[in-house]
C-alpha cells in the first residue's frame, strides 16, 4: 500500500493538497497483470520505452482504478455503500489528472508507484525483476530476456501446480 499527497484545484478553484491511498493484494495484481499481453510489468516497460502514450495511459488508468481506496472507520475500502467503486469518483478529479501526468513523465515514476501499490510479497518480486531489467541495460534486448525469464517461471509454476491424474486400475 502507498499513499500519495497530491496538489490539485477543487471544484471551487481553490488549491488543495490531500493524501490518496492505493493498494492491491496479489489476487488483484494477478487480475490486472492478466489484462496485458506479456504481463503488466513488461507491457508498462515497453510502453514507456516506445513512448506510447495510449498504452501508458491504459496501464496507469488500470492500476489506479484497481488500487484506489479510502480509509473508512479504520478499514481500507474500495467501494461505496451503494456498490460503486470509489475510483470512479477519484478519476473525475483534478488530483487524478495530476497523478496521471506525474506517472507518465517517466518509466521510473510508473514502476515506483506500481510497485508501492502492491503488498510486500508482490513488491519484492517486482523489485527483483525491475532491478534485473535495469542491470541488463534497460533496452529492448533486456526486456525480451526479462519476458522470456518470466514466461519460463510462469510455466514452471503452472507445472508445479499440476496434480497427478487419478486412474482406476481394474484387476
N, C-alpha and C. Protein backbone atom coordinates (compact mmCIF):
# COMPACT_ATOMS: atom_id res chain seq x y z
N UNK A 1 0.84 -1.17 0.00
CA UNK A 1 0.00 0.00 0.00
C UNK A 1 0.88 1.23 0.00
N UNK A 2 0.38 2.24 -0.66
CA UNK A 2 1.09 3.51 -0.67
C UNK A 2 0.08 4.65 -0.54
N UNK A 3 0.58 5.76 -0.06
CA UNK A 3 -0.24 6.97 -0.04
C UNK A 3 0.51 8.02 -0.85
N UNK A 4 -0.25 8.92 -1.41
CA UNK A 4 0.33 9.94 -2.28
C UNK A 4 -0.32 11.27 -1.97
N UNK A 5 0.48 12.26 -1.62
CA UNK A 5 -0.05 13.62 -1.45
C UNK A 5 -0.08 14.27 -2.81
N UNK A 6 -1.25 14.76 -3.17
CA UNK A 6 -1.42 15.35 -4.49
C UNK A 6 -2.04 16.74 -4.34
N UNK A 7 -1.40 17.73 -4.97
CA UNK A 7 -1.96 19.08 -5.02
C UNK A 7 -2.84 19.18 -6.26
N UNK A 8 -3.98 19.84 -6.08
CA UNK A 8 -4.91 20.00 -7.18
C UNK A 8 -5.88 21.13 -6.87
N UNK A 9 -6.61 21.56 -7.88
CA UNK A 9 -7.67 22.56 -7.70
C UNK A 9 -8.98 21.82 -7.47
N UNK A 10 -9.69 22.21 -6.43
CA UNK A 10 -11.01 21.60 -6.20
C UNK A 10 -12.04 22.27 -7.10
N UNK A 11 -13.29 21.90 -6.96
CA UNK A 11 -14.33 22.43 -7.84
C UNK A 11 -14.54 23.94 -7.69
N UNK A 12 -14.16 24.48 -6.53
CA UNK A 12 -14.28 25.92 -6.31
C UNK A 12 -13.06 26.69 -6.82
N UNK A 13 -12.07 25.97 -7.34
CA UNK A 13 -10.86 26.61 -7.85
C UNK A 13 -9.79 26.82 -6.81
N UNK A 14 -10.05 26.36 -5.58
CA UNK A 14 -9.06 26.50 -4.51
C UNK A 14 -8.03 25.38 -4.62
N UNK A 15 -6.77 25.73 -4.30
CA UNK A 15 -5.71 24.72 -4.32
C UNK A 15 -5.80 23.91 -3.03
N UNK A 16 -5.81 22.60 -3.21
CA UNK A 16 -5.87 21.67 -2.08
C UNK A 16 -4.70 20.70 -2.20
N UNK A 17 -4.36 20.11 -1.08
CA UNK A 17 -3.40 19.01 -1.08
C UNK A 17 -3.97 17.94 -0.17
N UNK A 18 -4.30 16.82 -0.75
CA UNK A 18 -4.88 15.72 0.01
C UNK A 18 -4.03 14.48 -0.18
N UNK A 19 -4.19 13.58 0.76
CA UNK A 19 -3.50 12.29 0.69
C UNK A 19 -4.46 11.25 0.14
N UNK A 20 -4.00 10.52 -0.87
CA UNK A 20 -4.81 9.48 -1.51
C UNK A 20 -4.11 8.14 -1.31
N UNK A 21 -4.89 7.07 -1.24
CA UNK A 21 -4.37 5.75 -0.90
C UNK A 21 -4.60 4.75 -2.02
N UNK A 22 -3.59 3.89 -2.21
CA UNK A 22 -3.62 2.90 -3.29
C UNK A 22 -3.06 1.58 -2.76
N UNK A 23 -3.78 0.50 -3.04
CA UNK A 23 -3.32 -0.81 -2.58
C UNK A 23 -3.92 -1.91 -3.45
N UNK A 24 -3.10 -2.93 -3.75
CA UNK A 24 -3.59 -4.12 -4.45
C UNK A 24 -3.02 -5.35 -3.76
N UNK A 25 -3.88 -6.32 -3.50
CA UNK A 25 -3.35 -7.59 -3.00
C UNK A 25 -2.91 -8.43 -4.19
N UNK A 26 -2.37 -9.60 -3.93
CA UNK A 26 -1.80 -10.40 -5.02
C UNK A 26 -2.86 -10.87 -6.01
N UNK A 27 -4.06 -11.15 -5.54
CA UNK A 27 -5.12 -11.57 -6.46
C UNK A 27 -5.50 -10.43 -7.39
N UNK A 28 -5.63 -9.24 -6.84
CA UNK A 28 -5.96 -8.08 -7.67
C UNK A 28 -4.84 -7.80 -8.67
N UNK A 29 -3.60 -7.92 -8.21
CA UNK A 29 -2.47 -7.70 -9.12
C UNK A 29 -2.45 -8.75 -10.23
N UNK A 30 -2.73 -10.00 -9.88
CA UNK A 30 -2.76 -11.06 -10.90
C UNK A 30 -3.83 -10.79 -11.94
N UNK A 31 -4.99 -10.29 -11.49
CA UNK A 31 -6.07 -9.96 -12.42
C UNK A 31 -5.64 -8.83 -13.36
N UNK A 32 -5.03 -7.80 -12.80
CA UNK A 32 -4.55 -6.68 -13.62
C UNK A 32 -3.44 -7.16 -14.55
N UNK A 33 -2.54 -7.97 -14.03
CA UNK A 33 -1.42 -8.49 -14.81
C UNK A 33 -1.91 -9.25 -16.04
N UNK A 34 -3.00 -10.00 -15.87
CA UNK A 34 -3.52 -10.82 -16.97
C UNK A 34 -4.22 -9.99 -18.06
N UNK A 35 -4.48 -8.73 -17.78
CA UNK A 35 -5.16 -7.87 -18.76
C UNK A 35 -4.21 -7.38 -19.87
N UNK A 36 -2.90 -7.56 -19.67
CA UNK A 36 -1.92 -7.00 -20.60
C UNK A 36 -1.09 -8.10 -21.24
N UNK A 37 -0.92 -8.03 -22.57
CA UNK A 37 -0.09 -9.03 -23.26
C UNK A 37 1.33 -9.05 -22.68
N UNK A 38 1.79 -10.20 -22.27
CA UNK A 38 3.13 -10.33 -21.69
C UNK A 38 3.18 -9.95 -20.22
N UNK A 39 2.08 -9.52 -19.65
CA UNK A 39 2.05 -9.12 -18.25
C UNK A 39 2.19 -7.61 -18.09
N UNK A 40 1.72 -7.12 -16.99
CA UNK A 40 1.68 -5.68 -16.72
C UNK A 40 3.06 -5.03 -16.76
N UNK A 41 4.01 -5.63 -16.07
CA UNK A 41 5.33 -5.00 -15.97
C UNK A 41 5.99 -4.88 -17.34
N UNK A 42 5.98 -5.96 -18.12
CA UNK A 42 6.60 -5.91 -19.43
C UNK A 42 5.87 -4.93 -20.35
N UNK A 43 4.54 -4.94 -20.27
CA UNK A 43 3.74 -4.04 -21.10
C UNK A 43 4.06 -2.59 -20.75
N UNK A 44 4.15 -2.30 -19.45
CA UNK A 44 4.44 -0.93 -18.99
C UNK A 44 5.83 -0.49 -19.42
N UNK A 45 6.81 -1.38 -19.27
CA UNK A 45 8.18 -1.04 -19.66
C UNK A 45 8.25 -0.76 -21.16
N UNK A 46 7.64 -1.63 -21.94
CA UNK A 46 7.65 -1.46 -23.40
C UNK A 46 6.94 -0.16 -23.79
N UNK A 47 5.80 0.12 -23.15
CA UNK A 47 5.06 1.35 -23.46
C UNK A 47 5.91 2.57 -23.14
N UNK A 48 6.63 2.53 -22.02
CA UNK A 48 7.48 3.66 -21.64
C UNK A 48 8.65 3.80 -22.61
N UNK A 49 9.29 2.69 -22.94
CA UNK A 49 10.42 2.73 -23.88
C UNK A 49 10.00 3.24 -25.25
N UNK A 50 8.82 2.80 -25.71
CA UNK A 50 8.32 3.21 -27.02
C UNK A 50 7.67 4.59 -27.00
N UNK A 51 7.55 5.16 -25.80
CA UNK A 51 6.86 6.44 -25.61
C UNK A 51 5.45 6.39 -26.20
N UNK A 52 4.77 5.27 -25.94
CA UNK A 52 3.42 5.05 -26.43
C UNK A 52 2.43 5.57 -25.39
N UNK A 53 1.94 6.78 -25.61
CA UNK A 53 1.06 7.45 -24.66
C UNK A 53 -0.23 6.69 -24.39
N UNK A 54 -0.82 6.11 -25.43
CA UNK A 54 -2.07 5.37 -25.25
C UNK A 54 -1.88 4.16 -24.34
N UNK A 55 -0.80 3.41 -24.57
CA UNK A 55 -0.53 2.24 -23.73
C UNK A 55 -0.17 2.65 -22.31
N UNK A 56 0.61 3.74 -22.17
CA UNK A 56 0.96 4.22 -20.83
C UNK A 56 -0.31 4.63 -20.08
N UNK A 57 -1.20 5.35 -20.75
CA UNK A 57 -2.45 5.75 -20.12
C UNK A 57 -3.23 4.52 -19.68
N UNK A 58 -3.32 3.53 -20.55
CA UNK A 58 -4.07 2.30 -20.23
C UNK A 58 -3.51 1.62 -18.99
N UNK A 59 -2.19 1.53 -18.89
CA UNK A 59 -1.54 0.91 -17.73
C UNK A 59 -1.86 1.69 -16.46
N UNK A 60 -1.62 2.99 -16.50
CA UNK A 60 -1.81 3.82 -15.31
C UNK A 60 -3.27 3.85 -14.89
N UNK A 61 -4.16 4.04 -15.83
CA UNK A 61 -5.58 4.08 -15.51
C UNK A 61 -6.04 2.77 -14.88
N UNK A 62 -5.57 1.65 -15.41
CA UNK A 62 -5.96 0.35 -14.86
C UNK A 62 -5.44 0.18 -13.44
N UNK A 63 -4.19 0.54 -13.21
CA UNK A 63 -3.61 0.42 -11.87
C UNK A 63 -4.37 1.29 -10.88
N UNK A 64 -4.59 2.55 -11.25
CA UNK A 64 -5.28 3.48 -10.34
C UNK A 64 -6.69 2.99 -10.04
N UNK A 65 -7.41 2.58 -11.07
CA UNK A 65 -8.79 2.09 -10.86
C UNK A 65 -8.83 0.88 -9.93
N UNK A 66 -7.85 0.00 -10.06
CA UNK A 66 -7.84 -1.22 -9.24
C UNK A 66 -7.33 -0.95 -7.83
N UNK A 67 -6.39 -0.01 -7.69
CA UNK A 67 -5.71 0.19 -6.40
C UNK A 67 -6.34 1.25 -5.51
N UNK A 68 -7.06 2.22 -6.06
CA UNK A 68 -7.55 3.35 -5.27
C UNK A 68 -8.57 2.91 -4.21
N UNK A 69 -8.44 3.49 -3.04
CA UNK A 69 -9.39 3.25 -1.97
C UNK A 69 -9.29 4.34 -0.91
N UNK A 70 -10.11 4.22 0.09
CA UNK A 70 -10.12 5.20 1.19
C UNK A 70 -10.21 4.47 2.51
N UNK A 71 -9.74 5.15 3.56
CA UNK A 71 -9.89 4.60 4.90
C UNK A 71 -11.23 5.06 5.46
N UNK A 72 -12.05 4.11 5.84
CA UNK A 72 -13.35 4.39 6.44
C UNK A 72 -13.44 3.54 7.71
N UNK A 73 -13.55 4.22 8.83
CA UNK A 73 -13.65 3.53 10.14
C UNK A 73 -12.56 2.46 10.28
N UNK A 74 -11.30 2.87 10.09
CA UNK A 74 -10.13 2.01 10.25
C UNK A 74 -10.08 0.83 9.29
N UNK A 75 -10.76 0.92 8.16
CA UNK A 75 -10.70 -0.12 7.13
C UNK A 75 -10.38 0.52 5.80
N UNK A 76 -9.66 -0.20 4.96
CA UNK A 76 -9.38 0.26 3.61
C UNK A 76 -10.47 -0.30 2.71
N UNK A 77 -11.25 0.59 2.11
CA UNK A 77 -12.37 0.15 1.27
C UNK A 77 -12.22 0.71 -0.14
N UNK A 78 -12.75 -0.04 -1.09
CA UNK A 78 -12.67 0.37 -2.49
C UNK A 78 -14.04 0.60 -3.11
N UNK A 79 -15.09 0.30 -2.35
CA UNK A 79 -16.44 0.52 -2.88
C UNK A 79 -17.26 1.33 -1.88
N UNK A 80 -18.18 2.12 -2.41
CA UNK A 80 -19.09 2.90 -1.59
C UNK A 80 -20.22 1.98 -1.10
N UNK A 81 -20.97 2.39 -0.10
CA UNK A 81 -22.07 1.55 0.39
C UNK A 81 -23.07 1.17 -0.71
N UNK A 82 -23.18 1.99 -1.75
CA UNK A 82 -24.11 1.68 -2.84
C UNK A 82 -23.50 0.72 -3.86
N UNK A 83 -22.25 0.28 -3.63
CA UNK A 83 -21.60 -0.67 -4.52
C UNK A 83 -20.74 -0.05 -5.60
N UNK A 84 -20.79 1.27 -5.74
CA UNK A 84 -19.99 1.93 -6.77
C UNK A 84 -18.52 1.98 -6.33
N UNK A 85 -17.61 1.75 -7.29
CA UNK A 85 -16.19 1.82 -6.98
C UNK A 85 -15.79 3.25 -6.66
N UNK A 86 -15.03 3.43 -5.59
CA UNK A 86 -14.57 4.76 -5.21
C UNK A 86 -13.66 5.36 -6.27
N UNK A 87 -12.96 4.50 -6.99
CA UNK A 87 -12.08 5.01 -8.05
C UNK A 87 -12.88 5.72 -9.13
N UNK A 88 -14.16 5.37 -9.30
CA UNK A 88 -14.99 6.08 -10.28
C UNK A 88 -15.13 7.55 -9.92
N UNK A 89 -15.15 7.85 -8.63
CA UNK A 89 -15.22 9.25 -8.18
C UNK A 89 -13.85 9.92 -8.36
N UNK A 90 -12.79 9.20 -7.95
CA UNK A 90 -11.43 9.75 -7.98
C UNK A 90 -11.01 10.14 -9.40
N UNK A 91 -11.32 9.31 -10.39
CA UNK A 91 -10.85 9.61 -11.75
C UNK A 91 -11.50 10.85 -12.35
N UNK A 92 -12.51 11.37 -11.69
CA UNK A 92 -13.16 12.59 -12.16
C UNK A 92 -12.67 13.83 -11.42
N UNK A 93 -11.51 13.72 -10.80
CA UNK A 93 -10.94 14.87 -10.08
C UNK A 93 -9.67 15.35 -10.78
N UNK A 94 -9.28 16.56 -10.48
CA UNK A 94 -8.01 17.08 -10.99
C UNK A 94 -6.84 16.35 -10.33
N UNK A 95 -7.05 15.81 -9.13
CA UNK A 95 -5.99 15.05 -8.47
C UNK A 95 -5.59 13.85 -9.33
N UNK A 96 -6.58 13.19 -9.92
CA UNK A 96 -6.30 12.07 -10.82
C UNK A 96 -5.49 12.55 -12.02
N UNK A 97 -5.89 13.68 -12.61
CA UNK A 97 -5.15 14.23 -13.75
C UNK A 97 -3.69 14.51 -13.39
N UNK A 98 -3.48 15.09 -12.20
CA UNK A 98 -2.12 15.41 -11.77
C UNK A 98 -1.30 14.15 -11.52
N UNK A 99 -1.93 13.14 -10.93
CA UNK A 99 -1.24 11.87 -10.70
C UNK A 99 -0.88 11.23 -12.04
N UNK A 100 -1.81 11.21 -12.96
CA UNK A 100 -1.59 10.63 -14.29
C UNK A 100 -0.41 11.33 -14.97
N UNK A 101 -0.39 12.65 -14.92
CA UNK A 101 0.70 13.42 -15.54
C UNK A 101 2.04 13.05 -14.93
N UNK A 102 2.08 12.95 -13.61
CA UNK A 102 3.33 12.60 -12.92
C UNK A 102 3.81 11.20 -13.31
N UNK A 103 2.89 10.25 -13.36
CA UNK A 103 3.27 8.87 -13.66
C UNK A 103 3.67 8.68 -15.12
N UNK A 104 3.16 9.51 -16.00
CA UNK A 104 3.50 9.39 -17.42
C UNK A 104 4.82 10.06 -17.76
N UNK A 105 5.40 10.79 -16.81
CA UNK A 105 6.64 11.52 -17.09
C UNK A 105 7.84 10.60 -17.25
N UNK A 106 7.83 9.45 -16.55
CA UNK A 106 8.98 8.54 -16.69
C UNK A 106 8.58 7.13 -16.29
N UNK A 107 9.32 6.17 -16.86
CA UNK A 107 9.07 4.78 -16.51
C UNK A 107 9.41 4.54 -15.04
N UNK A 108 10.39 5.28 -14.52
CA UNK A 108 10.78 5.13 -13.11
C UNK A 108 9.61 5.53 -12.19
N UNK A 109 8.95 6.66 -12.50
CA UNK A 109 7.79 7.09 -11.71
C UNK A 109 6.70 6.03 -11.71
N UNK A 110 6.43 5.51 -12.90
CA UNK A 110 5.38 4.50 -13.04
C UNK A 110 5.73 3.23 -12.28
N UNK A 111 6.95 2.72 -12.45
CA UNK A 111 7.33 1.46 -11.80
C UNK A 111 7.37 1.62 -10.27
N UNK A 112 7.83 2.77 -9.80
CA UNK A 112 7.87 3.02 -8.35
C UNK A 112 6.45 3.03 -7.78
N UNK A 113 5.55 3.72 -8.44
CA UNK A 113 4.16 3.79 -7.98
C UNK A 113 3.51 2.41 -8.04
N UNK A 114 3.65 1.75 -9.17
CA UNK A 114 3.03 0.44 -9.36
C UNK A 114 3.51 -0.53 -8.28
N UNK A 115 4.79 -0.54 -8.02
CA UNK A 115 5.36 -1.44 -7.02
C UNK A 115 4.86 -1.08 -5.62
N UNK A 116 4.79 0.21 -5.31
CA UNK A 116 4.35 0.66 -3.99
C UNK A 116 2.90 0.28 -3.69
N UNK A 117 2.08 0.12 -4.74
CA UNK A 117 0.68 -0.24 -4.54
C UNK A 117 0.51 -1.69 -4.08
N UNK A 118 1.53 -2.51 -4.29
CA UNK A 118 1.41 -3.94 -4.03
C UNK A 118 1.71 -4.29 -2.58
N UNK A 119 1.29 -5.51 -2.19
CA UNK A 119 1.66 -5.97 -0.86
C UNK A 119 3.14 -6.38 -0.87
N UNK A 120 3.69 -6.66 0.29
CA UNK A 120 5.14 -6.87 0.45
C UNK A 120 5.67 -8.00 -0.44
N UNK A 121 5.00 -9.15 -0.50
CA UNK A 121 5.49 -10.26 -1.31
C UNK A 121 5.56 -9.89 -2.78
N UNK A 122 4.51 -9.30 -3.29
CA UNK A 122 4.48 -8.90 -4.70
C UNK A 122 5.50 -7.80 -4.96
N UNK A 123 5.68 -6.88 -4.01
CA UNK A 123 6.67 -5.81 -4.17
C UNK A 123 8.06 -6.39 -4.37
N UNK A 124 8.40 -7.38 -3.56
CA UNK A 124 9.73 -7.97 -3.66
C UNK A 124 9.96 -8.61 -5.03
N UNK A 125 8.95 -9.31 -5.55
CA UNK A 125 9.09 -9.95 -6.86
C UNK A 125 9.26 -8.91 -7.97
N UNK A 126 8.44 -7.86 -7.93
CA UNK A 126 8.52 -6.83 -8.97
C UNK A 126 9.84 -6.07 -8.87
N UNK A 127 10.27 -5.74 -7.66
CA UNK A 127 11.54 -5.02 -7.50
C UNK A 127 12.70 -5.85 -8.03
N UNK A 128 12.70 -7.15 -7.77
CA UNK A 128 13.76 -8.02 -8.29
C UNK A 128 13.80 -7.98 -9.81
N UNK A 129 12.65 -8.08 -10.44
CA UNK A 129 12.58 -8.07 -11.90
C UNK A 129 13.03 -6.72 -12.45
N UNK A 130 12.59 -5.63 -11.82
CA UNK A 130 12.93 -4.29 -12.27
C UNK A 130 14.44 -4.06 -12.14
N UNK A 131 15.03 -4.50 -11.04
CA UNK A 131 16.47 -4.36 -10.83
C UNK A 131 17.23 -5.14 -11.90
N UNK A 132 16.80 -6.36 -12.15
CA UNK A 132 17.44 -7.19 -13.17
C UNK A 132 17.35 -6.52 -14.55
N UNK A 133 16.19 -5.98 -14.87
CA UNK A 133 15.99 -5.29 -16.14
C UNK A 133 16.96 -4.12 -16.27
N UNK A 134 17.06 -3.30 -15.25
CA UNK A 134 17.93 -2.13 -15.28
C UNK A 134 19.40 -2.54 -15.37
N UNK A 135 19.79 -3.60 -14.63
CA UNK A 135 21.17 -4.07 -14.67
C UNK A 135 21.57 -4.60 -16.04
N UNK A 136 20.61 -5.12 -16.77
CA UNK A 136 20.89 -5.67 -18.10
C UNK A 136 20.76 -4.63 -19.20
N UNK A 137 20.73 -3.37 -18.83
CA UNK A 137 20.78 -2.31 -19.82
C UNK A 137 19.48 -1.57 -20.04
N UNK A 138 18.35 -2.13 -19.62
CA UNK A 138 17.07 -1.45 -19.75
C UNK A 138 16.65 -1.21 -21.19
N UNK A 139 17.17 -2.02 -22.12
CA UNK A 139 16.80 -1.84 -23.52
C UNK A 139 15.87 -2.96 -23.97
N UNK A 140 15.55 -2.98 -25.24
CA UNK A 140 14.60 -3.98 -25.75
C UNK A 140 15.15 -5.39 -25.61
N UNK A 141 16.46 -5.57 -25.74
CA UNK A 141 17.05 -6.89 -25.56
C UNK A 141 16.85 -7.37 -24.12
N UNK A 142 17.08 -6.47 -23.17
CA UNK A 142 16.87 -6.82 -21.76
C UNK A 142 15.39 -7.08 -21.50
N UNK A 143 14.51 -6.31 -22.14
CA UNK A 143 13.08 -6.52 -21.98
C UNK A 143 12.67 -7.90 -22.49
N UNK A 144 13.19 -8.27 -23.66
CA UNK A 144 12.87 -9.59 -24.21
C UNK A 144 13.39 -10.71 -23.31
N UNK A 145 14.60 -10.53 -22.76
CA UNK A 145 15.15 -11.54 -21.86
C UNK A 145 14.31 -11.64 -20.60
N UNK A 146 13.92 -10.50 -20.05
CA UNK A 146 13.08 -10.49 -18.86
C UNK A 146 11.75 -11.18 -19.14
N UNK A 147 11.17 -10.89 -20.28
CA UNK A 147 9.89 -11.51 -20.64
C UNK A 147 10.05 -13.02 -20.78
N UNK A 148 11.12 -13.48 -21.42
CA UNK A 148 11.37 -14.92 -21.55
C UNK A 148 11.55 -15.58 -20.19
N UNK A 149 12.32 -14.92 -19.30
CA UNK A 149 12.52 -15.46 -17.96
C UNK A 149 11.21 -15.59 -17.20
N UNK A 150 10.36 -14.56 -17.32
CA UNK A 150 9.08 -14.58 -16.59
C UNK A 150 8.13 -15.63 -17.18
N UNK A 151 8.19 -15.83 -18.50
CA UNK A 151 7.37 -16.88 -19.11
C UNK A 151 7.82 -18.26 -18.64
N UNK A 152 9.15 -18.46 -18.52
CA UNK A 152 9.67 -19.73 -18.02
C UNK A 152 9.21 -19.95 -16.58
N UNK A 153 9.32 -18.92 -15.76
CA UNK A 153 8.88 -19.02 -14.36
C UNK A 153 7.40 -19.35 -14.28
N UNK A 154 6.59 -18.71 -15.11
CA UNK A 154 5.15 -18.98 -15.10
C UNK A 154 4.87 -20.41 -15.52
N UNK A 155 5.60 -20.91 -16.53
CA UNK A 155 5.41 -22.29 -16.99
C UNK A 155 5.82 -23.28 -15.90
N UNK A 156 6.93 -22.99 -15.22
CA UNK A 156 7.38 -23.86 -14.13
C UNK A 156 6.39 -23.85 -12.98
N UNK A 157 5.85 -22.69 -12.67
CA UNK A 157 4.86 -22.59 -11.58
C UNK A 157 3.60 -23.36 -11.95
N UNK A 158 3.18 -23.24 -13.20
CA UNK A 158 1.98 -23.96 -13.65
C UNK A 158 2.21 -25.46 -13.59
N UNK A 159 3.41 -25.88 -14.00
CA UNK A 159 3.73 -27.31 -13.98
C UNK A 159 3.75 -27.82 -12.54
N UNK A 160 4.29 -27.03 -11.62
CA UNK A 160 4.36 -27.43 -10.22
C UNK A 160 2.98 -27.55 -9.59
N UNK A 161 2.03 -26.76 -10.10
CA UNK A 161 0.67 -26.80 -9.55
C UNK A 161 -0.17 -27.93 -10.11
N UNK A 162 0.29 -28.55 -11.20
CA UNK A 162 -0.48 -29.65 -11.78
C UNK A 162 -0.50 -30.82 -10.82
N UNK A 163 -1.66 -31.36 -10.66
CA UNK A 163 -1.83 -32.51 -9.77
C UNK A 163 -1.85 -33.76 -10.64
N UNK A 164 -1.28 -34.85 -10.13
CA UNK A 164 -1.30 -36.07 -10.92
C UNK A 164 -2.75 -36.53 -11.11
N UNK A 165 -3.01 -37.04 -12.29
CA UNK A 165 -4.37 -37.51 -12.55
C UNK A 165 -4.59 -38.85 -11.88
N UNK A 166 -5.81 -39.07 -11.49
CA UNK A 166 -6.17 -40.34 -10.85
C UNK A 166 -6.62 -41.30 -11.93
N UNK A 167 -6.18 -42.50 -11.82
CA UNK A 167 -6.66 -43.51 -12.76
C UNK A 167 -7.14 -44.71 -11.99
N UNK A 168 -8.11 -45.39 -12.54
CA UNK A 168 -8.68 -46.56 -11.90
C UNK A 168 -8.01 -47.79 -12.50
N UNK A 169 -7.53 -48.62 -11.64
CA UNK A 169 -6.88 -49.85 -12.10
C UNK A 169 -7.85 -51.00 -11.89
N UNK A 170 -8.18 -51.66 -12.95
CA UNK A 170 -9.08 -52.82 -12.88
C UNK A 170 -8.25 -54.08 -12.76
N UNK A 171 -8.56 -54.91 -11.82
CA UNK A 171 -7.85 -56.17 -11.66
C UNK A 171 -8.79 -57.31 -11.84
